[in-house]
Amino acid sequence: MKRRDFLARVGAGVAGVAVWPRPLAAQTAGFHPDVELELRAAPAEVPLLRGQPTRVWRYRARVLSGAPAAVQVIPDSYLGPTLRFETGQKVRVHFVNDLPEPSIVHWHGLDVPTQADGHPRLAVGPGQRYVYEFTVVNRAGTYWYHPHPHMRTAYQAYHGLAGLIVVHDPDEAALHLPSGADELVCVIQDRQFDAGNQLVYASGMMMENMNGFLGDQVLVNGRPAAALSLATRHYRLRLMNGSNSRVYKLAWDPSTPVTVIGTDGGLLERPVTRPYVTLAPGERLDTLLDLSAAAVGTRLTLRSLPFPASLFTMQMGMGGGMGRGGRGRGGGRGADRPPVPQGAPLEVLAISVDRRERSAFALPAALSHYEAAWQPPPDVPTRSINIDFMRMQFFLGARTFEMDDVAAEESVRAGSTHIWAYDNSGPGMMMNMRLGHPMHMHGRQFRVLRRTVEPGRRADWQALKDGFVDDGWKDTTLVLPGERVECLVKFSDYPGLFLYHCHNLEHEDMGMMRNYRIV
């Protein structure tokens, strides 16, 4: 699609969003689900700030059959409920679209058939339904779900459509990690409100938002000024970056290392520590917080530390910023305050220790047994995917998104192993157009083999590189300016059309997305 056609369609508003009609998925006679849910997307109002309630779009779910614990509502939040599944379970979800525009649901990180992946070509209109059926084949881990209609993903997710998926399996259960009240989920998002407490948003098609839309305050689980009162125990914190475009450099204050036990695709082989962790949109980290030796009255804060805005901001040739995070004010129409720039310090979560309780938990030295040293076979094919910005358009491999288009190098055999290398290096043109991009692959977990960076980019790269956790399975990885990231992926056995794209949602909606086909 040419950029002028893209702009014309976006400018037409909701009525101009294309819907590619397809037969709706139907229940399969031979599929007998262990868990059957209804998931409904609809407008709602939620009291988030003092005064008027905020209008949002939200997911609500109910269990039609199976364990009631499969759906866990987050109180006083616009977020969808946390869905809890077991590896091996058969799941059927009846999605009901009560929104005023088309939508579809993507199960981020799960290996599911193409009909269940939430490709935008399957979007259903207002009042319509879509039936998902899949078996949970993923290992225990933290995944999530969100909308995926073409050119409206950023808008719909920003207005509240997102929720966590937690998968359990026997191997994880045998570790007796903190659970129940000692397991905390933290979905981190930035948002912007007007004087009437309503969400403010403007798409990436506005020049000042081409770097991605940023808010002026951080919400955790849909609540501002998040704070927790905890005991002298061990806690498991499942962290997810649900922001449209903001990257977080998360660290504890007072300074203490972050203990990481899992990434996007589940537990690591063994715990690792980092001085801080870098969390890009779409990424998850499973961490452990040890308060067992803390004194009652202790206070600590999860902060996002400062880093150079230039990593995620287009720079004019003479050094001026273009868009949010540079010198431009940016912001959505109706905003009373400017956004907090990318890379500015932020307070995310405040914790106070208010009671003493005994904790008998001991962190195991080994967490899982996948092959961390897994190396590619000698004849593994390698594909380099150049990340570019030209003519006011983002490109992957010199191509932008087309609904059904698949290039020859984007077709792979089921079960085959490849190296896909995202290359964000090379010279700019009339502007420095190299931005950091969180690259996400649908339907697969991969391993990050190596990162290389151009010498001229090392200074800025150093600001975030110690926070990467590449030890485990990933479905989203941040590729910084001047960086080349090589990912080893064994493709699914499910044939069909899937997506890979930038998880800066404004970039995705602007066409920084491509199909790949498994044959």
Protein backbone atom coordinates (compact mmCIF):
# COMPACT_ATOMS: atom_id res chain seq x y z
CA MET A 1 0.00 0.00 0.00
CA LYS A 2 1.42 3.38 -0.96
CA ARG A 3 1.80 5.89 1.83
CA ARG A 4 -0.75 8.30 0.32
CA ASP A 5 -3.31 5.48 0.21
CA PHE A 6 -2.42 4.56 3.78
CA LEU A 7 -2.90 8.17 4.93
CA ALA A 8 -6.18 8.44 3.07
CA ARG A 9 -7.51 5.31 4.72
CA VAL A 10 -6.43 6.37 8.20
CA GLY A 11 -7.83 9.85 7.60
CA ALA A 12 -11.20 8.35 6.79
CA GLY A 13 -11.44 7.24 10.42
CA VAL A 14 -12.93 4.00 11.66
CA ALA A 15 -15.19 3.74 8.63
CA GLY A 16 -12.10 3.67 6.44
CA VAL A 17 -10.41 0.73 8.17
CA ALA A 18 -10.34 -2.13 5.71
CA VAL A 19 -11.96 -5.42 6.69
CA TRP A 20 -10.94 -8.45 4.68
CA PRO A 21 -14.00 -10.70 4.86
CA ARG A 22 -13.29 -14.33 5.68
CA PRO A 23 -15.51 -17.13 6.95
CA LEU A 24 -15.66 -17.01 10.73
CA ALA A 25 -13.97 -19.91 12.49
CA ALA A 26 -16.50 -22.41 13.81
CA GLN A 27 -16.41 -25.05 16.51
CA THR A 28 -14.78 -28.27 15.40
CA ALA A 29 -16.91 -31.31 16.06
CA GLY A 30 -13.98 -33.48 17.15
CA PHE A 31 -12.36 -30.86 19.37
CA HIS A 32 -13.24 -31.41 23.04
CA PRO A 33 -11.91 -28.48 25.11
CA ASP A 34 -10.65 -28.80 28.67
CA VAL A 35 -11.32 -25.08 29.08
CA GLU A 36 -13.98 -23.11 27.22
CA LEU A 37 -14.24 -19.35 27.62
CA GLU A 38 -16.15 -16.39 26.32
CA LEU A 39 -13.97 -13.31 25.80
CA ARG A 40 -15.85 -10.10 25.09
CA ALA A 41 -14.36 -6.76 24.01
CA ALA A 42 -16.58 -3.75 24.74
CA PRO A 43 -16.51 -0.10 25.84
CA ALA A 44 -16.58 0.51 29.58
CA GLU A 45 -15.92 3.14 32.23
CA VAL A 46 -13.37 2.66 35.00
CA PRO A 47 -12.53 5.05 37.89
CA LEU A 48 -8.77 5.50 37.46
CA LEU A 49 -8.20 9.08 38.67
CA ARG A 50 -10.00 11.31 41.14
CA GLY A 51 -13.15 12.65 39.53
CA GLN A 52 -14.78 11.44 36.36
CA PRO A 53 -14.41 7.76 35.37
CA THR A 54 -12.27 7.05 32.33
CA ARG A 55 -13.82 5.64 29.16
CA VAL A 56 -11.88 2.57 28.03
CA TRP A 57 -12.20 -0.52 25.91
CA ARG A 58 -11.74 -3.69 27.88
CA TYR A 59 -11.85 -7.46 27.74
CA ARG A 60 -14.18 -9.39 30.02
CA ALA A 61 -14.14 -13.18 30.22
CA ARG A 62 -16.23 -15.93 31.73
CA VAL A 63 -15.66 -19.67 32.00
CA LEU A 64 -18.19 -21.69 30.05
CA SER A 65 -16.67 -25.04 31.05
CA GLY A 66 -13.56 -26.16 32.89
CA ALA A 67 -11.77 -24.83 35.96
CA PRO A 68 -13.15 -21.49 37.25
CA ALA A 69 -9.56 -20.46 38.12
CA ALA A 70 -8.82 -20.16 34.39
CA VAL A 71 -10.08 -16.56 34.61
CA GLN A 72 -8.71 -14.23 37.29
CA VAL A 73 -9.93 -10.64 37.27
CA ILE A 74 -7.51 -7.84 38.22
CA PRO A 75 -9.55 -5.66 40.63
CA ASP A 76 -10.19 -2.00 39.77
CA SER A 77 -8.38 -2.26 36.44
CA TYR A 78 -9.24 -1.76 32.80
CA LEU A 79 -6.99 -4.70 31.89
CA GLY A 80 -8.51 -7.97 30.79
CA PRO A 81 -8.47 -10.86 33.26
CA THR A 82 -5.39 -13.04 33.64
CA LEU A 83 -6.02 -16.35 31.89
CA ARG A 84 -4.38 -19.38 33.49
CA PHE A 85 -3.83 -22.50 31.40
CA GLU A 86 -1.95 -25.79 31.80
CA THR A 87 0.43 -27.17 29.21
CA GLY A 88 -1.45 -29.80 27.23
CA GLN A 89 -4.90 -28.32 27.79
CA LYS A 90 -7.27 -27.92 24.88
CA VAL A 91 -8.74 -24.42 24.86
CA ARG A 92 -11.73 -22.96 23.06
CA VAL A 93 -12.38 -19.21 23.22
CA HIS A 94 -15.50 -17.52 21.85
CA PHE A 95 -14.44 -13.97 21.05
CA VAL A 96 -17.34 -11.49 20.93
CA ASN A 97 -16.66 -8.08 19.36
CA ASP A 98 -18.90 -5.47 20.99
CA LEU A 99 -16.65 -2.62 19.86
CA PRO A 100 -17.75 -0.05 17.26
CA GLU A 101 -15.04 -1.26 14.84
CA PRO A 102 -13.39 -4.51 13.67
CA SER A 103 -11.04 -6.40 15.96
CA ILE A 104 -9.34 -9.76 16.45
CA VAL A 105 -7.28 -11.26 19.32
CA HIS A 106 -3.63 -12.33 19.10
CA TRP A 107 -2.25 -14.80 21.69
CA HIS A 108 1.19 -13.27 22.04
CA GLY A 109 3.91 -15.90 22.50
CA LEU A 110 1.71 -18.97 22.12
CA ASP A 111 2.36 -21.54 19.41
CA VAL A 112 -1.10 -21.93 17.88
CA PRO A 113 -2.54 -22.81 14.44
CA THR A 114 -2.76 -20.02 11.89
CA GLN A 115 -6.56 -19.80 12.30
CA ALA A 116 -6.06 -19.05 16.01
CA ASP A 117 -3.16 -16.60 15.77
CA GLY A 118 -5.18 -13.40 15.33
CA HIS A 119 -3.92 -12.31 11.92
CA PRO A 120 -5.57 -9.00 10.90
CA ARG A 121 -7.07 -10.62 7.79
CA LEU A 122 -9.37 -12.48 10.22
CA ALA A 123 -10.70 -9.36 11.97
CA VAL A 124 -14.44 -9.50 12.67
CA GLY A 125 -16.79 -6.54 12.62
CA PRO A 126 -18.99 -5.06 15.36
CA GLY A 127 -21.42 -7.61 16.77
CA GLN A 128 -19.58 -10.55 15.22
CA ARG A 129 -17.87 -13.54 16.83
CA TYR A 130 -14.76 -15.61 16.21
CA VAL A 131 -14.03 -19.04 17.68
CA TYR A 132 -10.45 -19.97 18.64
CA GLU A 133 -9.39 -23.56 19.24
CA PHE A 134 -5.88 -24.59 20.19
CA THR A 135 -3.87 -26.90 22.41
CA VAL A 136 -1.46 -25.22 24.83
CA VAL A 137 1.90 -26.61 23.72
CA ASN A 138 4.06 -23.89 25.33
CA ARG A 139 6.04 -24.52 28.47
CA ALA A 140 5.20 -22.71 31.71
CA GLY A 141 5.64 -18.97 31.29
CA THR A 142 4.10 -15.52 31.04
CA TYR A 143 2.34 -14.70 27.77
CA TRP A 144 -0.37 -12.20 26.89
CA TYR A 145 -3.24 -11.36 24.57
CA HIS A 146 -4.13 -8.15 22.76
CA PRO A 147 -5.97 -6.94 19.62
CA HIS A 148 -4.40 -7.17 16.16
CA PRO A 149 -6.56 -5.39 13.53
CA HIS A 150 -4.64 -3.71 10.75
CA MET A 151 -3.83 -0.03 11.45
CA ARG A 152 -5.87 -0.03 14.69
CA THR A 153 -3.79 -2.25 16.98
CA ALA A 154 -2.11 0.72 18.68
CA TYR A 155 -5.38 2.56 19.27
CA GLN A 156 -7.24 -0.45 20.64
CA ALA A 157 -4.41 -1.63 22.89
CA TYR A 158 -3.81 1.89 24.20
CA HIS A 159 -7.48 2.18 25.19
CA GLY A 160 -7.27 -0.90 27.38
CA LEU A 161 -7.44 -4.11 25.36
CA ALA A 162 -4.76 -6.36 26.86
CA GLY A 163 -4.44 -9.15 29.39
CA LEU A 164 -1.93 -11.68 30.70
CA ILE A 165 -1.78 -15.42 30.07
CA VAL A 166 0.03 -17.58 32.64
CA VAL A 167 0.85 -21.14 31.62
CA HIS A 168 1.71 -23.77 34.22
CA ASP A 169 3.33 -27.19 33.81
CA PRO A 170 4.49 -30.01 36.12
CA ASP A 171 8.20 -29.15 35.82
CA GLU A 172 7.58 -25.65 37.12
CA ALA A 173 5.22 -26.89 39.85
CA ALA A 174 7.98 -29.15 41.20
CA LEU A 175 10.12 -26.08 41.98
CA HIS A 176 7.56 -24.69 44.46
CA LEU A 177 8.19 -21.11 43.39
CA PRO A 178 6.25 -18.35 45.20
CA SER A 179 2.59 -18.57 44.22
CA GLY A 180 -0.83 -17.39 45.31
CA ALA A 181 -0.51 -14.11 47.19
CA ASP A 182 3.28 -14.29 46.74
CA GLU A 183 3.00 -14.15 42.94
CA LEU A 184 2.54 -10.62 41.62
CA VAL A 185 1.76 -9.65 38.04
CA CYS A 186 2.83 -6.18 36.95
CA VAL A 187 1.70 -4.91 33.56
CA ILE A 188 3.58 -1.63 33.00
CA GLN A 189 2.03 0.97 30.68
CA ASP A 190 2.31 4.71 30.15
CA ARG A 191 -0.80 6.75 29.43
CA GLN A 192 -1.87 10.36 28.98
CA PHE A 193 -5.12 11.91 30.27
CA ASP A 194 -6.95 15.17 29.63
CA ALA A 195 -8.50 17.43 32.28
CA GLY A 196 -11.63 15.26 32.28
CA ASN A 197 -9.67 12.05 33.04
CA GLN A 198 -10.11 10.73 29.50
CA LEU A 199 -7.36 8.95 27.62
CA VAL A 200 -5.55 11.07 25.05
CA TYR A 201 -4.11 9.41 21.96
CA ALA A 202 -2.82 10.32 18.51
CA SER A 203 -1.56 7.83 15.94
CA GLY A 204 1.95 7.49 14.58
CA MET A 205 0.77 9.06 11.35
CA MET A 206 1.10 12.43 13.09
CA MET A 207 4.66 13.62 12.54
CA GLU A 208 5.32 14.25 16.23
CA ASN A 209 4.32 10.67 17.07
CA MET A 210 6.31 8.78 14.43
CA ASN A 211 8.71 7.61 17.13
CA GLY A 212 5.76 6.10 18.98
CA PHE A 213 3.15 7.48 21.35
CA LEU A 214 4.29 8.26 24.91
CA GLY A 215 2.29 9.13 28.00
CA ASP A 216 2.95 11.44 30.90
CA GLN A 217 2.49 8.92 33.71
CA VAL A 218 3.10 5.23 34.38
CA LEU A 219 0.33 2.81 35.31
CA VAL A 220 0.82 -0.68 36.76
CA ASN A 221 -2.05 -3.11 36.22
CA GLY A 222 -4.09 -0.17 35.01
CA ARG A 223 -3.59 1.92 38.15
CA PRO A 224 -1.55 5.15 38.56
CA ALA A 225 0.88 5.67 41.46
CA ALA A 226 1.08 1.91 42.04
CA ALA A 227 2.13 0.83 45.54
CA LEU A 228 2.27 -2.50 47.37
CA SER A 229 2.50 -3.39 51.05
CA LEU A 230 4.40 -6.66 51.40
CA ALA A 231 5.81 -8.93 54.11
CA THR A 232 9.30 -10.25 54.77
CA ARG A 233 8.94 -13.03 52.21
CA HIS A 234 10.05 -14.02 48.72
CA TYR A 235 7.86 -12.75 45.89
CA ARG A 236 7.64 -13.71 42.26
CA LEU A 237 7.11 -10.63 40.06
CA ARG A 238 5.98 -11.28 36.51
CA LEU A 239 6.82 -8.04 34.67
CA MET A 240 5.33 -7.16 31.30
CA ASN A 241 5.83 -4.05 29.18
CA GLY A 242 2.36 -3.33 27.82
CA SER A 243 3.22 0.19 26.63
CA ASN A 244 2.73 1.14 22.99
CA SER A 245 6.29 2.37 22.50
CA ARG A 246 8.07 3.18 25.78
CA VAL A 247 11.17 1.20 26.75
CA TYR A 248 11.97 0.77 30.46
CA LYS A 249 15.34 0.42 32.17
CA LEU A 250 14.12 -1.14 35.40
CA ALA A 251 16.17 -1.17 38.60
CA TRP A 252 15.54 -1.35 42.33
CA ASP A 253 16.15 1.68 44.51
CA PRO A 254 18.00 1.31 46.91
CA SER A 255 20.29 -0.39 44.42
CA THR A 256 20.17 -4.17 44.45
CA PRO A 257 20.55 -6.57 41.52
CA VAL A 258 17.44 -7.77 39.70
CA THR A 259 17.13 -11.56 39.94
CA VAL A 260 15.66 -12.98 36.73
CA ILE A 261 14.28 -16.51 36.57
CA GLY A 262 12.44 -16.40 33.23
CA THR A 263 11.93 -14.52 29.97
CA ASP A 264 9.21 -14.43 27.29
CA GLY A 265 9.13 -18.20 26.78
CA GLY A 266 9.43 -19.45 30.36
CA LEU A 267 12.03 -20.28 32.97
CA LEU A 268 15.76 -19.97 32.41
CA GLU A 269 18.08 -22.90 33.06
CA ARG A 270 19.32 -21.09 36.15
CA PRO A 271 18.73 -17.68 37.78
CA VAL A 272 20.72 -14.69 36.53
CA THR A 273 21.22 -11.24 38.01
CA ARG A 274 21.41 -7.90 36.26
CA PRO A 275 22.10 -4.40 37.63
CA TYR A 276 18.96 -3.39 35.75
CA VAL A 277 16.75 -5.02 33.13
CA THR A 278 15.84 -3.57 29.74
CA LEU A 279 12.18 -4.19 28.94
CA ALA A 280 10.84 -3.22 25.51
CA PRO A 281 7.17 -3.24 24.43
CA GLY A 282 5.83 -6.79 24.31
CA GLU A 283 8.61 -8.32 26.43
CA ARG A 284 8.11 -10.16 29.72
CA LEU A 285 10.49 -10.98 32.56
CA ASP A 286 9.92 -13.36 35.46
CA THR A 287 11.80 -12.03 38.50
CA LEU A 288 12.27 -12.86 42.16
CA LEU A 289 12.20 -10.27 44.94
CA ASP A 290 13.76 -11.40 48.22
CA LEU A 291 12.41 -9.45 51.18
CA SER A 292 13.05 -12.21 53.71
CA ALA A 293 15.86 -10.28 55.46
CA ALA A 294 14.27 -6.82 55.13
CA ALA A 295 13.38 -4.82 58.20
CA VAL A 296 9.78 -3.82 58.77
CA GLY A 297 9.48 -0.25 57.51
CA THR A 298 11.80 -0.84 54.55
CA ARG A 299 10.82 1.01 51.40
CA LEU A 300 12.04 0.30 47.92
CA THR A 301 11.06 1.54 44.50
CA LEU A 302 11.13 0.01 41.05
CA ARG A 303 12.40 2.80 38.81
CA SER A 304 13.11 3.26 35.14
CA LEU A 305 16.60 4.74 34.95
CA PRO A 306 17.59 7.40 32.39
CA PHE A 307 19.06 6.51 29.01
CA PRO A 308 19.69 8.49 25.78
CA ALA A 309 16.50 9.44 23.96
CA SER A 310 18.51 9.27 20.72
CA LEU A 311 18.18 5.47 20.81
CA PHE A 312 14.49 5.81 19.94
CA THR A 313 14.17 9.26 18.40
CA MET A 314 14.75 10.33 14.81
CA GLN A 315 17.29 13.14 14.65
CA MET A 316 17.42 15.82 11.98
CA GLY A 317 20.70 16.10 10.15
CA MET A 318 21.62 19.25 12.12
CA GLY A 319 20.97 17.52 15.43
CA GLY A 320 17.39 18.56 16.20
CA GLY A 321 14.84 16.04 17.38
CA MET A 322 11.86 14.97 15.32
CA GLY A 323 8.84 13.70 17.18
CA ARG A 324 8.20 12.62 20.72
CA GLY A 325 11.34 12.11 22.75
CA GLY A 326 13.21 14.80 20.76
CA ARG A 327 12.66 18.52 21.08
CA GLY A 328 9.13 18.47 19.75
CA ARG A 329 6.36 18.68 22.35
CA GLY A 330 4.36 15.88 20.78
CA GLY A 331 1.41 14.62 22.68
CA GLY A 332 -2.13 13.80 21.80
CA ARG A 333 -4.68 16.44 21.05
CA GLY A 334 -6.35 17.61 24.23
CA ALA A 335 -3.42 16.72 26.50
CA ASP A 336 -2.81 19.18 29.34
CA ARG A 337 0.82 18.16 29.84
CA PRO A 338 3.60 17.11 27.47
CA PRO A 339 4.63 13.46 27.45
CA VAL A 340 7.55 12.25 29.52
CA PRO A 341 10.34 11.82 26.93
CA GLN A 342 11.69 8.40 26.05
CA GLY A 343 14.60 7.61 28.37
CA ALA A 344 13.57 10.02 31.14
CA PRO A 345 13.67 8.66 34.72
CA LEU A 346 10.34 7.34 36.02
CA GLU A 347 8.95 5.82 39.18
CA VAL A 348 7.11 2.59 38.33
CA LEU A 349 6.20 0.81 41.58
CA ALA A 350 6.59 1.67 45.29
CA ILE A 351 6.92 -1.16 47.83
CA SER A 352 6.78 -0.95 51.61
CA VAL A 353 7.51 -3.81 54.00
CA ASP A 354 4.89 -3.55 56.72
CA ARG A 355 4.89 -6.92 58.51
CA ARG A 356 7.20 -9.75 59.47
CA GLU A 357 6.47 -13.24 58.20
CA ARG A 358 8.72 -16.23 57.95
CA SER A 359 9.82 -17.29 54.46
CA ALA A 360 11.06 -20.85 54.01
CA PHE A 361 11.63 -20.54 50.27
CA ALA A 362 15.09 -21.17 48.81
CA LEU A 363 15.77 -20.32 45.17
CA PRO A 364 16.78 -23.48 43.29
CA ALA A 365 20.15 -23.44 41.53
CA ALA A 366 18.58 -25.10 38.47
CA LEU A 367 15.19 -24.05 37.12
CA SER A 368 14.76 -25.95 33.86
CA HIS A 369 16.67 -28.28 31.60
CA TYR A 370 16.47 -27.02 28.03
CA GLU A 371 19.71 -26.90 26.15
CA ALA A 372 21.13 -23.41 26.71
CA ALA A 373 24.15 -24.18 24.52
CA TRP A 374 21.93 -25.25 21.61
CA GLN A 375 23.85 -24.41 18.46
CA PRO A 376 22.56 -24.18 14.90
CA PRO A 377 23.28 -27.09 12.56
CA PRO A 378 26.19 -26.54 10.15
CA ASP A 379 23.94 -26.00 7.13
CA VAL A 380 21.42 -23.72 8.84
CA PRO A 381 20.09 -21.06 6.43
CA THR A 382 20.61 -17.45 7.52
CA ARG A 383 18.35 -14.61 6.48
CA SER A 384 19.31 -10.98 7.06
CA ILE A 385 16.35 -8.61 7.50
CA ASN A 386 17.33 -5.00 7.03
CA ILE A 387 15.41 -2.45 9.10
CA ASP A 388 15.01 0.80 7.19
CA PHE A 389 13.09 4.08 7.12
CA MET A 390 12.67 5.77 3.74
CA ARG A 391 10.09 8.09 2.19
CA MET A 392 8.37 8.45 5.59
CA GLN A 393 7.84 4.68 5.76
CA PHE A 394 9.33 1.84 7.85
CA PHE A 395 10.55 -1.24 5.97
CA LEU A 396 11.54 -4.81 6.86
CA GLY A 397 13.73 -6.37 4.21
CA ALA A 398 12.87 -3.48 1.83
CA ARG A 399 9.16 -4.32 2.09
CA THR A 400 6.19 -2.95 3.97
CA PHE A 401 3.03 -4.78 5.01
CA GLU A 402 0.57 -6.18 2.52
CA MET A 403 -2.26 -8.31 3.84
CA ASP A 404 -1.58 -11.54 1.92
CA ASP A 405 1.89 -10.95 0.49
CA VAL A 406 4.74 -13.38 1.25
CA ALA A 407 8.16 -13.10 -0.40
CA ALA A 408 10.12 -16.19 -1.36
CA GLU A 409 12.55 -15.77 1.54
CA GLU A 410 9.60 -15.49 3.92
CA SER A 411 8.45 -19.06 3.23
CA VAL A 412 9.88 -21.79 5.49
CA ARG A 413 9.28 -25.48 5.99
CA ALA A 414 7.42 -26.67 9.09
CA GLY A 415 9.86 -27.74 11.79
CA SER A 416 12.90 -26.29 10.00
CA THR A 417 15.62 -24.36 11.83
CA HIS A 418 16.83 -20.97 10.58
CA ILE A 419 18.80 -17.94 11.73
CA TRP A 420 16.90 -14.70 11.19
CA ALA A 421 19.15 -11.69 11.73
CA TYR A 422 17.56 -8.27 12.28
CA ASP A 423 20.03 -5.71 10.93
CA ASN A 424 19.51 -2.16 12.18
CA SER A 425 22.95 -0.93 11.09
CA GLY A 426 24.19 1.14 8.17
CA PRO A 427 24.26 4.85 7.32
CA GLY A 428 21.29 7.16 7.58
CA MET A 429 20.16 9.41 4.76
CA MET A 430 19.09 13.04 5.15
CA MET A 431 18.19 12.28 8.75
CA ASN A 432 19.47 9.80 11.29
CA MET A 433 16.61 7.35 10.87
CA ARG A 434 17.94 4.52 13.01
CA LEU A 435 15.64 3.82 15.95
CA GLY A 436 15.51 0.95 18.38
CA HIS A 437 12.82 -1.57 17.42
CA PRO A 438 11.39 -4.46 19.50
CA MET A 439 11.03 -7.24 16.91
CA HIS A 440 8.32 -9.83 17.57
CA MET A 441 7.65 -13.13 15.83
CA HIS A 442 4.21 -14.73 15.98
CA GLY A 443 3.83 -18.38 16.90
CA ARG A 444 7.44 -19.05 17.85
CA GLN A 445 9.98 -18.74 20.63
CA PHE A 446 13.58 -18.21 19.52
CA ARG A 447 17.06 -17.94 21.00
CA VAL A 448 19.21 -14.81 20.67
CA LEU A 449 22.59 -16.11 19.45
CA ARG A 450 24.61 -12.90 19.34
CA ARG A 451 24.49 -9.13 19.19
CA THR A 452 26.96 -7.00 17.25
CA VAL A 453 26.99 -3.22 17.12
CA GLU A 454 28.71 -0.66 14.93
CA PRO A 455 31.66 1.03 16.68
CA GLY A 456 30.13 4.48 16.25
CA ARG A 457 26.99 3.38 18.13
CA ARG A 458 28.66 1.77 21.13
CA ALA A 459 28.38 4.76 23.47
CA ASP A 460 24.57 4.87 23.38
CA TRP A 461 24.31 1.07 23.15
CA GLN A 462 26.21 0.76 26.44
CA ALA A 463 23.35 2.53 28.21
CA LEU A 464 20.97 -0.44 27.81
CA LYS A 465 23.01 -3.50 26.83
CA ASP A 466 23.70 -4.76 30.39
CA GLY A 467 19.94 -5.09 30.90
CA PHE A 468 19.38 -7.60 28.08
CA VAL A 469 18.46 -11.10 29.27
CA ASP A 470 19.19 -13.26 26.23
CA ASP A 471 19.72 -16.44 28.26
CA GLY A 472 16.24 -17.86 27.62
CA TRP A 473 13.50 -18.29 25.06
CA LYS A 474 12.21 -15.09 23.47
CA ASP A 475 9.44 -14.02 21.12
CA THR A 476 10.35 -10.31 21.21
CA THR A 477 13.85 -8.83 21.17
CA LEU A 478 15.00 -5.22 21.15
CA VAL A 479 17.28 -4.26 18.23
CA LEU A 480 19.05 -0.98 18.98
CA PRO A 481 20.36 1.51 16.38
CA GLY A 482 23.54 0.21 14.76
CA GLU A 483 22.88 -3.30 16.07
CA ARG A 484 22.53 -6.66 14.36
CA VAL A 485 20.74 -9.35 16.39
CA GLU A 486 20.89 -12.97 15.24
CA CYS A 487 18.02 -15.21 16.35
CA LEU A 488 17.88 -19.00 16.08
CA VAL A 489 14.35 -20.19 15.44
CA LYS A 490 12.86 -23.62 14.88
CA PHE A 491 9.61 -22.96 13.06
CA SER A 492 6.29 -24.38 14.17
CA ASP A 493 4.75 -27.54 12.76
CA TYR A 494 1.55 -25.58 12.11
CA PRO A 495 1.33 -24.57 8.43
CA GLY A 496 -0.09 -21.25 7.32
CA LEU A 497 0.39 -17.50 7.43
CA PHE A 498 1.98 -15.79 10.46
CA LEU A 499 3.47 -12.36 11.20
CA TYR A 500 6.71 -10.77 12.31
CA HIS A 501 6.81 -7.07 13.11
CA CYS A 502 8.03 -4.23 15.28
CA HIS A 503 6.16 -4.19 18.61
CA ASN A 504 6.28 -0.42 18.79
CA LEU A 505 2.57 -0.44 18.01
CA GLU A 506 2.61 2.84 16.12
CA HIS A 507 5.34 1.42 13.84
CA GLU A 508 3.37 -1.80 13.37
CA ASP A 509 0.27 0.15 12.33
CA MET A 510 2.40 2.18 9.91
CA GLY A 511 3.36 -0.98 8.03
CA MET A 512 6.49 -2.23 9.85
CA MET A 513 5.15 -5.77 9.65
CA ARG A 514 5.44 -8.70 7.27
CA ASN A 515 3.92 -12.13 6.75
CA TYR A 516 5.88 -15.35 6.80
CA ARG A 517 4.44 -18.65 5.62
CA ILE A 518 5.07 -22.10 7.05
CA VAL A 519 4.65 -24.85 4.45
